[in-house]
N, C-alpha and C. Protein backbone atom coordinates (compact mmCIF):
# COMPACT_ATOMS: atom_id res chain seq x y z
N MET A 1 4.15 3.24 9.08
CA MET A 1 2.90 3.66 8.49
C MET A 1 1.77 2.72 8.88
N GLU A 2 2.04 1.45 9.00
CA GLU A 2 1.03 0.44 9.32
C GLU A 2 -0.05 0.38 8.23
N ILE A 3 0.39 0.01 7.04
CA ILE A 3 -0.51 -0.07 5.89
C ILE A 3 -1.69 -1.00 6.14
N GLN A 4 -1.48 -2.02 6.97
CA GLN A 4 -2.56 -2.97 7.26
C GLN A 4 -3.75 -2.25 7.90
N LYS A 5 -3.48 -1.31 8.79
CA LYS A 5 -4.57 -0.57 9.45
C LYS A 5 -5.25 0.41 8.51
N LEU A 6 -4.54 0.86 7.49
CA LEU A 6 -5.08 1.85 6.55
C LEU A 6 -5.71 1.20 5.32
N TRP A 7 -5.46 -0.08 5.10
CA TRP A 7 -5.82 -0.77 3.86
C TRP A 7 -7.27 -0.53 3.44
N ASP A 8 -8.20 -0.70 4.35
CA ASP A 8 -9.62 -0.57 4.01
C ASP A 8 -10.02 0.86 3.64
N GLN A 9 -9.19 1.83 4.00
CA GLN A 9 -9.49 3.23 3.70
C GLN A 9 -8.89 3.67 2.37
N LEU A 10 -8.00 2.85 1.80
CA LEU A 10 -7.32 3.22 0.56
C LEU A 10 -8.28 3.13 -0.62
N ASP A 11 -8.10 4.02 -1.59
CA ASP A 11 -8.92 3.93 -2.79
C ASP A 11 -8.44 2.73 -3.62
N ALA A 12 -9.30 2.27 -4.50
CA ALA A 12 -9.02 1.06 -5.29
C ALA A 12 -7.76 1.20 -6.13
N GLU A 13 -7.52 2.37 -6.67
CA GLU A 13 -6.35 2.60 -7.51
C GLU A 13 -5.05 2.43 -6.71
N THR A 14 -5.02 2.94 -5.50
CA THR A 14 -3.84 2.84 -4.65
C THR A 14 -3.61 1.39 -4.23
N ARG A 15 -4.67 0.69 -3.83
CA ARG A 15 -4.53 -0.73 -3.47
C ARG A 15 -4.03 -1.53 -4.66
N GLN A 16 -4.57 -1.25 -5.84
CA GLN A 16 -4.15 -1.97 -7.05
C GLN A 16 -2.67 -1.74 -7.31
N TRP A 17 -2.21 -0.50 -7.18
CA TRP A 17 -0.80 -0.21 -7.41
C TRP A 17 0.07 -0.98 -6.43
N LEU A 18 -0.31 -0.98 -5.16
CA LEU A 18 0.48 -1.69 -4.15
C LEU A 18 0.54 -3.19 -4.44
N VAL A 19 -0.59 -3.78 -4.83
CA VAL A 19 -0.64 -5.21 -5.14
C VAL A 19 0.20 -5.53 -6.37
N GLU A 20 0.23 -4.63 -7.33
CA GLU A 20 1.00 -4.85 -8.56
C GLU A 20 2.49 -4.57 -8.37
N ASN A 21 2.87 -3.93 -7.27
CA ASN A 21 4.27 -3.58 -7.00
C ASN A 21 4.66 -4.00 -5.59
N PRO A 22 4.53 -5.30 -5.26
CA PRO A 22 4.75 -5.74 -3.88
C PRO A 22 6.20 -5.63 -3.40
N GLY A 23 7.14 -5.46 -4.30
CA GLY A 23 8.54 -5.37 -3.90
C GLY A 23 9.01 -3.95 -3.64
N CYS A 24 8.14 -3.00 -3.85
CA CYS A 24 8.50 -1.59 -3.68
C CYS A 24 8.68 -1.27 -2.20
N THR A 25 9.78 -0.65 -1.85
CA THR A 25 10.00 -0.25 -0.46
C THR A 25 9.92 1.27 -0.28
N ILE A 26 10.06 2.01 -1.38
CA ILE A 26 9.92 3.47 -1.35
C ILE A 26 8.75 3.82 -2.24
N LEU A 27 7.75 4.47 -1.66
CA LEU A 27 6.54 4.80 -2.42
C LEU A 27 6.76 6.00 -3.33
N PRO A 28 6.27 5.92 -4.56
CA PRO A 28 6.26 7.12 -5.40
C PRO A 28 5.43 8.20 -4.71
N ARG A 29 5.78 9.43 -4.95
CA ARG A 29 5.07 10.54 -4.29
C ARG A 29 3.58 10.53 -4.61
N THR A 30 3.21 10.12 -5.82
CA THR A 30 1.79 10.09 -6.18
C THR A 30 1.03 9.05 -5.36
N VAL A 31 1.67 7.91 -5.09
CA VAL A 31 1.04 6.86 -4.29
C VAL A 31 0.93 7.33 -2.83
N ALA A 32 2.01 7.91 -2.31
CA ALA A 32 1.97 8.42 -0.94
C ALA A 32 0.89 9.49 -0.80
N ALA A 33 0.77 10.36 -1.79
CA ALA A 33 -0.26 11.41 -1.76
C ALA A 33 -1.65 10.78 -1.79
N GLY A 34 -1.83 9.71 -2.56
CA GLY A 34 -3.11 9.02 -2.61
C GLY A 34 -3.47 8.40 -1.27
N ILE A 35 -2.49 7.85 -0.59
CA ILE A 35 -2.71 7.27 0.73
C ILE A 35 -3.12 8.36 1.72
N MET A 36 -2.40 9.47 1.70
CA MET A 36 -2.72 10.56 2.61
C MET A 36 -4.11 11.14 2.34
N LYS A 37 -4.46 11.25 1.05
CA LYS A 37 -5.77 11.79 0.68
C LYS A 37 -6.89 10.85 1.12
N SER A 38 -6.70 9.54 0.91
CA SER A 38 -7.73 8.56 1.25
C SER A 38 -7.93 8.39 2.75
N THR A 39 -6.83 8.47 3.49
CA THR A 39 -6.88 8.12 4.91
C THR A 39 -6.79 9.32 5.85
N GLY A 40 -6.24 10.41 5.36
CA GLY A 40 -6.01 11.55 6.24
C GLY A 40 -4.77 11.39 7.10
N ALA A 41 -4.08 10.26 6.93
CA ALA A 41 -2.87 9.99 7.71
C ALA A 41 -1.71 10.83 7.18
N GLN A 42 -0.87 11.28 8.08
CA GLN A 42 0.36 11.95 7.71
C GLN A 42 1.46 10.90 7.68
N LEU A 43 2.07 10.70 6.52
CA LEU A 43 3.10 9.70 6.37
C LEU A 43 4.47 10.30 6.66
N GLU A 44 5.28 9.54 7.35
CA GLU A 44 6.64 10.00 7.62
C GLU A 44 7.44 9.99 6.33
N GLN A 45 8.24 11.01 6.17
CA GLN A 45 9.10 11.09 5.00
C GLN A 45 10.54 11.24 5.45
N ASP A 46 11.45 10.71 4.62
CA ASP A 46 12.87 10.87 4.94
C ASP A 46 13.33 12.25 4.50
N ARG A 47 14.59 12.52 4.63
CA ARG A 47 15.10 13.87 4.32
C ARG A 47 14.99 14.22 2.84
N HIS A 48 14.72 13.22 2.00
CA HIS A 48 14.56 13.45 0.57
C HIS A 48 13.09 13.58 0.18
N GLY A 49 12.20 13.53 1.17
CA GLY A 49 10.78 13.64 0.90
C GLY A 49 10.15 12.33 0.43
N GLU A 50 10.86 11.21 0.65
CA GLU A 50 10.34 9.91 0.24
C GLU A 50 9.71 9.18 1.41
N THR A 51 8.66 8.42 1.11
CA THR A 51 7.99 7.61 2.12
C THR A 51 8.50 6.18 1.98
N ILE A 52 9.12 5.69 3.04
CA ILE A 52 9.70 4.35 3.02
C ILE A 52 8.81 3.41 3.81
N LEU A 53 8.48 2.27 3.19
CA LEU A 53 7.65 1.27 3.85
C LEU A 53 8.46 0.48 4.87
N SER A 54 7.85 0.16 5.98
CA SER A 54 8.50 -0.66 7.01
C SER A 54 8.50 -2.11 6.55
N PRO A 55 9.34 -2.95 7.16
CA PRO A 55 9.32 -4.38 6.82
C PRO A 55 7.94 -5.01 7.01
N SER A 56 7.21 -4.61 8.05
CA SER A 56 5.87 -5.18 8.27
C SER A 56 4.90 -4.70 7.19
N ASP A 57 5.04 -3.45 6.72
CA ASP A 57 4.20 -2.97 5.62
C ASP A 57 4.48 -3.79 4.36
N CYS A 58 5.76 -4.03 4.08
CA CYS A 58 6.15 -4.82 2.90
C CYS A 58 5.60 -6.23 2.99
N ASP A 59 5.68 -6.84 4.16
CA ASP A 59 5.14 -8.19 4.35
C ASP A 59 3.64 -8.22 4.09
N PHE A 60 2.92 -7.25 4.62
CA PHE A 60 1.47 -7.19 4.42
C PHE A 60 1.13 -7.04 2.94
N ILE A 61 1.82 -6.15 2.24
CA ILE A 61 1.54 -5.92 0.82
C ILE A 61 1.86 -7.18 0.01
N ARG A 62 2.98 -7.86 0.33
CA ARG A 62 3.29 -9.11 -0.36
C ARG A 62 2.19 -10.14 -0.13
N GLY A 63 1.68 -10.23 1.09
CA GLY A 63 0.59 -11.16 1.39
C GLY A 63 -0.67 -10.82 0.61
N ALA A 64 -0.99 -9.54 0.51
CA ALA A 64 -2.16 -9.10 -0.25
C ALA A 64 -1.97 -9.44 -1.73
N ALA A 65 -0.76 -9.25 -2.25
CA ALA A 65 -0.47 -9.56 -3.65
C ALA A 65 -0.58 -11.06 -3.90
N GLU A 66 -0.06 -11.86 -2.98
CA GLU A 66 -0.15 -13.32 -3.13
C GLU A 66 -1.59 -13.78 -3.10
N GLN A 67 -2.39 -13.22 -2.22
CA GLN A 67 -3.80 -13.57 -2.14
C GLN A 67 -4.51 -13.20 -3.43
N PHE A 68 -4.21 -12.03 -3.97
CA PHE A 68 -4.82 -11.58 -5.21
C PHE A 68 -4.42 -12.49 -6.36
N GLU A 69 -3.14 -12.89 -6.41
CA GLU A 69 -2.66 -13.77 -7.47
C GLU A 69 -3.30 -15.16 -7.40
N SER A 70 -3.55 -15.64 -6.19
CA SER A 70 -4.13 -16.97 -6.04
C SER A 70 -5.63 -16.97 -6.33
N HIS A 71 -6.25 -15.80 -6.36
CA HIS A 71 -7.67 -15.64 -6.69
C HIS A 71 -7.79 -14.55 -7.74
N PRO A 72 -7.44 -14.87 -9.00
CA PRO A 72 -7.37 -13.85 -10.06
C PRO A 72 -8.63 -13.02 -10.24
N GLY A 73 -9.80 -13.55 -9.94
CA GLY A 73 -11.02 -12.78 -10.10
C GLY A 73 -11.31 -11.87 -8.92
N ALA A 74 -10.51 -12.00 -7.86
CA ALA A 74 -10.74 -11.22 -6.65
C ALA A 74 -10.25 -9.79 -6.84
N SER A 75 -10.78 -8.93 -6.04
CA SER A 75 -10.38 -7.53 -6.05
C SER A 75 -9.34 -7.30 -4.96
N PRO A 76 -8.32 -6.48 -5.21
CA PRO A 76 -7.34 -6.21 -4.17
C PRO A 76 -7.93 -5.40 -3.02
N SER A 77 -9.20 -5.05 -3.12
CA SER A 77 -9.81 -4.31 -2.04
C SER A 77 -10.10 -5.19 -0.85
N ALA A 78 -10.12 -6.50 -1.05
CA ALA A 78 -10.38 -7.42 0.06
C ALA A 78 -9.17 -7.45 0.97
N ARG A 79 -9.42 -7.35 2.26
CA ARG A 79 -8.34 -7.37 3.24
C ARG A 79 -7.78 -8.78 3.29
N SER A 80 -6.43 -8.88 3.32
CA SER A 80 -5.82 -10.20 3.42
C SER A 80 -5.58 -10.59 4.84
């Protein structure tokens, strides 16, 4: 999916959810739908209709969460 490339296009609610759930590897359908709506990107789904984050997506989200935690007044909208 390359969440890093899509990050700036995500709505604040979706970014907030990702930052608050950095260990998630399978996106809830509502989050995946939010990403597709915000970016226009078609996300790959497995045979169960789930969107699975790649290891690089997970690393990026963990980094964004760590940056947000180290600057509590910051918004997760800032690119890490």
